[in-house]
Amino acid sequence: MRHAAVGDFGTSWRTQQPAMALVLERLGATLVLTGTAFLLSLLLAIPLGVLAGSHNSRPISWLASGVGVLGQAFPPFGWARC
């Protein structure tokens, strides 16, 4: 734990390379994926929230709320298969 606290994650068992180098190598793709997911969720969540709030207790409100709940409940690995 002392080594990890200063950024030394040791050697990868699989590739026998420094683990931190492997993490940094993939950091760019991870940030792009995270940013894309965040923007997509905002583009969907805000309009659905406004729609559900402006049509309170109507079928369109229930549909918008249901889509939001299903989006949160669906496992993340399932979206990769869609």
N, C-alpha and C. Protein backbone atom coordinates (compact mmCIF):
# COMPACT_ATOMS: atom_id res chain seq x y z
N MET A 1 0.83 -1.19 0.00
CA MET A 1 0.00 0.00 0.00
C MET A 1 0.87 1.26 0.00
N ARG A 2 2.00 1.20 0.65
CA ARG A 2 2.88 2.38 0.65
C ARG A 2 3.34 2.70 -0.76
N HIS A 3 3.65 1.68 -1.53
CA HIS A 3 4.12 1.90 -2.89
C HIS A 3 2.99 2.47 -3.76
N ALA A 4 1.80 1.96 -3.60
CA ALA A 4 0.66 2.45 -4.40
C ALA A 4 0.35 3.90 -4.06
N ALA A 5 0.56 4.30 -2.82
CA ALA A 5 0.28 5.67 -2.40
C ALA A 5 1.18 6.68 -3.12
N VAL A 6 2.34 6.23 -3.58
CA VAL A 6 3.25 7.13 -4.28
C VAL A 6 3.28 6.86 -5.78
N GLY A 7 2.33 6.05 -6.28
CA GLY A 7 2.21 5.81 -7.71
C GLY A 7 2.95 4.60 -8.24
N ASP A 8 3.51 3.78 -7.37
CA ASP A 8 4.20 2.57 -7.81
C ASP A 8 3.25 1.39 -7.66
N PHE A 9 2.67 0.96 -8.77
CA PHE A 9 1.71 -0.13 -8.75
C PHE A 9 2.34 -1.47 -9.08
N GLY A 10 3.64 -1.49 -9.18
CA GLY A 10 4.34 -2.74 -9.42
C GLY A 10 4.34 -3.15 -10.88
N THR A 11 4.50 -4.45 -11.09
CA THR A 11 4.60 -5.00 -12.43
C THR A 11 3.36 -5.82 -12.76
N SER A 12 2.89 -5.68 -13.98
CA SER A 12 1.74 -6.45 -14.44
C SER A 12 2.10 -7.93 -14.49
N TRP A 13 1.22 -8.77 -13.99
CA TRP A 13 1.47 -10.21 -14.03
C TRP A 13 1.36 -10.73 -15.45
N ARG A 14 0.50 -10.12 -16.24
CA ARG A 14 0.25 -10.60 -17.59
C ARG A 14 1.35 -10.19 -18.57
N THR A 15 1.72 -8.89 -18.56
CA THR A 15 2.65 -8.40 -19.57
C THR A 15 4.07 -8.19 -19.06
N GLN A 16 4.25 -8.29 -17.76
CA GLN A 16 5.56 -8.07 -17.13
C GLN A 16 6.09 -6.66 -17.41
N GLN A 17 5.20 -5.69 -17.54
CA GLN A 17 5.56 -4.29 -17.72
C GLN A 17 5.09 -3.52 -16.50
N PRO A 18 5.62 -2.31 -16.28
CA PRO A 18 5.13 -1.51 -15.15
C PRO A 18 3.62 -1.25 -15.29
N ALA A 19 2.89 -1.50 -14.22
CA ALA A 19 1.43 -1.37 -14.26
C ALA A 19 0.99 0.07 -14.52
N MET A 20 1.70 1.03 -13.96
CA MET A 20 1.32 2.43 -14.15
C MET A 20 1.43 2.82 -15.63
N ALA A 21 2.42 2.33 -16.33
CA ALA A 21 2.55 2.62 -17.76
C ALA A 21 1.35 2.08 -18.54
N LEU A 22 0.87 0.92 -18.16
CA LEU A 22 -0.30 0.34 -18.83
C LEU A 22 -1.55 1.15 -18.55
N VAL A 23 -1.68 1.63 -17.32
CA VAL A 23 -2.85 2.45 -16.97
C VAL A 23 -2.81 3.76 -17.75
N LEU A 24 -1.67 4.41 -17.78
CA LEU A 24 -1.56 5.69 -18.48
C LEU A 24 -1.74 5.53 -19.98
N GLU A 25 -1.34 4.40 -20.52
CA GLU A 25 -1.50 4.14 -21.94
C GLU A 25 -2.97 4.10 -22.34
N ARG A 26 -3.82 3.64 -21.45
CA ARG A 26 -5.24 3.50 -21.75
C ARG A 26 -6.09 4.64 -21.19
N LEU A 27 -5.46 5.60 -20.55
CA LEU A 27 -6.20 6.68 -19.90
C LEU A 27 -6.96 7.54 -20.90
N GLY A 28 -6.37 7.83 -22.05
CA GLY A 28 -7.04 8.66 -23.05
C GLY A 28 -8.34 8.06 -23.53
N ALA A 29 -8.32 6.78 -23.86
CA ALA A 29 -9.55 6.11 -24.32
C ALA A 29 -10.59 6.07 -23.21
N THR A 30 -10.15 5.88 -21.99
CA THR A 30 -11.07 5.85 -20.86
C THR A 30 -11.75 7.20 -20.68
N LEU A 31 -10.99 8.28 -20.79
CA LEU A 31 -11.57 9.61 -20.63
C LEU A 31 -12.54 9.94 -21.76
N VAL A 32 -12.23 9.53 -22.98
CA VAL A 32 -13.15 9.76 -24.11
C VAL A 32 -14.45 8.99 -23.89
N LEU A 33 -14.35 7.74 -23.47
CA LEU A 33 -15.53 6.93 -23.23
C LEU A 33 -16.37 7.51 -22.09
N THR A 34 -15.72 7.94 -21.03
CA THR A 34 -16.44 8.53 -19.89
C THR A 34 -17.13 9.83 -20.29
N GLY A 35 -16.43 10.68 -21.02
CA GLY A 35 -17.02 11.95 -21.46
C GLY A 35 -18.20 11.75 -22.39
N THR A 36 -18.07 10.81 -23.30
CA THR A 36 -19.15 10.51 -24.23
C THR A 36 -20.38 9.99 -23.49
N ALA A 37 -20.17 9.09 -22.55
CA ALA A 37 -21.29 8.56 -21.76
C ALA A 37 -21.96 9.65 -20.95
N PHE A 38 -21.16 10.56 -20.39
CA PHE A 38 -21.71 11.65 -19.59
C PHE A 38 -22.56 12.58 -20.47
N LEU A 39 -22.04 12.97 -21.62
CA LEU A 39 -22.79 13.86 -22.51
C LEU A 39 -24.07 13.20 -23.01
N LEU A 40 -23.98 11.93 -23.36
CA LEU A 40 -25.17 11.21 -23.82
C LEU A 40 -26.23 11.14 -22.73
N SER A 41 -25.79 10.88 -21.50
CA SER A 41 -26.76 10.81 -20.41
C SER A 41 -27.41 12.17 -20.16
N LEU A 42 -26.64 13.25 -20.28
CA LEU A 42 -27.24 14.58 -20.12
C LEU A 42 -28.24 14.89 -21.24
N LEU A 43 -27.87 14.52 -22.46
CA LEU A 43 -28.75 14.79 -23.59
C LEU A 43 -30.06 14.02 -23.50
N LEU A 44 -30.05 12.91 -22.81
CA LEU A 44 -31.28 12.13 -22.63
C LEU A 44 -32.01 12.49 -21.33
N ALA A 45 -31.26 12.67 -20.26
CA ALA A 45 -31.88 12.85 -18.95
C ALA A 45 -32.59 14.19 -18.81
N ILE A 46 -31.99 15.25 -19.30
CA ILE A 46 -32.62 16.57 -19.12
C ILE A 46 -33.94 16.67 -19.89
N PRO A 47 -33.99 16.32 -21.16
CA PRO A 47 -35.30 16.39 -21.83
C PRO A 47 -36.34 15.44 -21.23
N LEU A 48 -35.92 14.24 -20.82
CA LEU A 48 -36.88 13.32 -20.20
C LEU A 48 -37.39 13.88 -18.87
N GLY A 49 -36.52 14.50 -18.11
CA GLY A 49 -36.94 15.10 -16.83
C GLY A 49 -37.90 16.25 -17.03
N VAL A 50 -37.63 17.09 -18.00
CA VAL A 50 -38.53 18.21 -18.30
C VAL A 50 -39.87 17.69 -18.80
N LEU A 51 -39.83 16.69 -19.65
CA LEU A 51 -41.06 16.10 -20.18
C LEU A 51 -41.89 15.48 -19.05
N ALA A 52 -41.24 14.74 -18.17
CA ALA A 52 -41.97 14.11 -17.06
C ALA A 52 -42.52 15.15 -16.10
N GLY A 53 -41.75 16.21 -15.85
CA GLY A 53 -42.20 17.24 -14.92
C GLY A 53 -43.30 18.12 -15.48
N SER A 54 -43.28 18.37 -16.76
CA SER A 54 -44.27 19.27 -17.35
C SER A 54 -45.60 18.58 -17.64
N HIS A 55 -45.60 17.28 -17.70
CA HIS A 55 -46.83 16.52 -17.95
C HIS A 55 -47.10 15.60 -16.77
N ASN A 56 -47.20 16.18 -15.60
CA ASN A 56 -47.35 15.42 -14.37
C ASN A 56 -48.63 14.57 -14.37
N SER A 57 -48.49 13.33 -13.96
CA SER A 57 -49.61 12.38 -13.83
C SER A 57 -50.31 12.09 -15.16
N ARG A 58 -49.58 12.13 -16.24
CA ARG A 58 -50.11 11.75 -17.55
C ARG A 58 -49.28 10.59 -18.08
N PRO A 59 -49.82 9.86 -19.05
CA PRO A 59 -49.07 8.71 -19.58
C PRO A 59 -47.67 9.06 -20.10
N ILE A 60 -47.51 10.24 -20.71
CA ILE A 60 -46.19 10.62 -21.22
C ILE A 60 -45.20 10.80 -20.06
N SER A 61 -45.69 11.27 -18.93
CA SER A 61 -44.85 11.41 -17.73
C SER A 61 -44.42 10.04 -17.23
N TRP A 62 -45.35 9.11 -17.21
CA TRP A 62 -45.02 7.75 -16.75
C TRP A 62 -44.03 7.09 -17.70
N LEU A 63 -44.21 7.33 -18.99
CA LEU A 63 -43.29 6.76 -19.98
C LEU A 63 -41.88 7.33 -19.81
N ALA A 64 -41.79 8.64 -19.67
CA ALA A 64 -40.49 9.28 -19.49
C ALA A 64 -39.82 8.81 -18.20
N SER A 65 -40.58 8.69 -17.13
CA SER A 65 -40.03 8.20 -15.87
C SER A 65 -39.61 6.74 -16.00
N GLY A 66 -40.41 5.96 -16.71
CA GLY A 66 -40.07 4.55 -16.90
C GLY A 66 -38.79 4.36 -17.70
N VAL A 67 -38.60 5.18 -18.73
CA VAL A 67 -37.36 5.11 -19.52
C VAL A 67 -36.17 5.45 -18.64
N GLY A 68 -36.32 6.45 -17.79
CA GLY A 68 -35.24 6.82 -16.88
C GLY A 68 -34.90 5.72 -15.89
N VAL A 69 -35.91 5.11 -15.33
CA VAL A 69 -35.69 4.02 -14.37
C VAL A 69 -35.05 2.82 -15.06
N LEU A 70 -35.53 2.47 -16.24
CA LEU A 70 -34.92 1.35 -16.97
C LEU A 70 -33.48 1.63 -17.36
N GLY A 71 -33.20 2.88 -17.73
CA GLY A 71 -31.83 3.25 -18.06
C GLY A 71 -30.88 3.11 -16.89
N GLN A 72 -31.37 3.39 -15.69
CA GLN A 72 -30.54 3.25 -14.50
C GLN A 72 -30.45 1.80 -14.04
N ALA A 73 -31.50 1.03 -14.26
CA ALA A 73 -31.53 -0.34 -13.76
C ALA A 73 -30.81 -1.32 -14.68
N PHE A 74 -30.71 -0.99 -15.96
CA PHE A 74 -30.09 -1.89 -16.94
C PHE A 74 -28.60 -2.00 -16.66
N PRO A 75 -28.06 -3.19 -16.58
CA PRO A 75 -26.63 -3.32 -16.27
C PRO A 75 -25.77 -2.71 -17.37
N PRO A 76 -24.68 -2.05 -17.00
CA PRO A 76 -23.84 -1.38 -18.00
C PRO A 76 -23.31 -2.32 -19.08
N PHE A 77 -23.01 -3.57 -18.74
CA PHE A 77 -22.48 -4.47 -19.74
C PHE A 77 -23.56 -4.86 -20.75
N GLY A 78 -24.81 -4.68 -20.42
CA GLY A 78 -25.89 -5.00 -21.33
C GLY A 78 -25.99 -4.01 -22.48
N TRP A 79 -25.61 -2.75 -22.24
CA TRP A 79 -25.67 -1.75 -23.30
C TRP A 79 -24.68 -2.07 -24.42
N ALA A 80 -23.61 -2.74 -24.11
CA ALA A 80 -22.62 -3.08 -25.13
C ALA A 80 -23.19 -4.09 -26.12
N ARG A 81 -24.17 -4.85 -25.72
CA ARG A 81 -24.76 -5.85 -26.59
C ARG A 81 -25.91 -5.32 -27.42
N CYS A 82 -26.38 -4.11 -27.11
CA CYS A 82 -27.52 -3.53 -27.85
C CYS A 82 -27.09 -3.01 -29.19
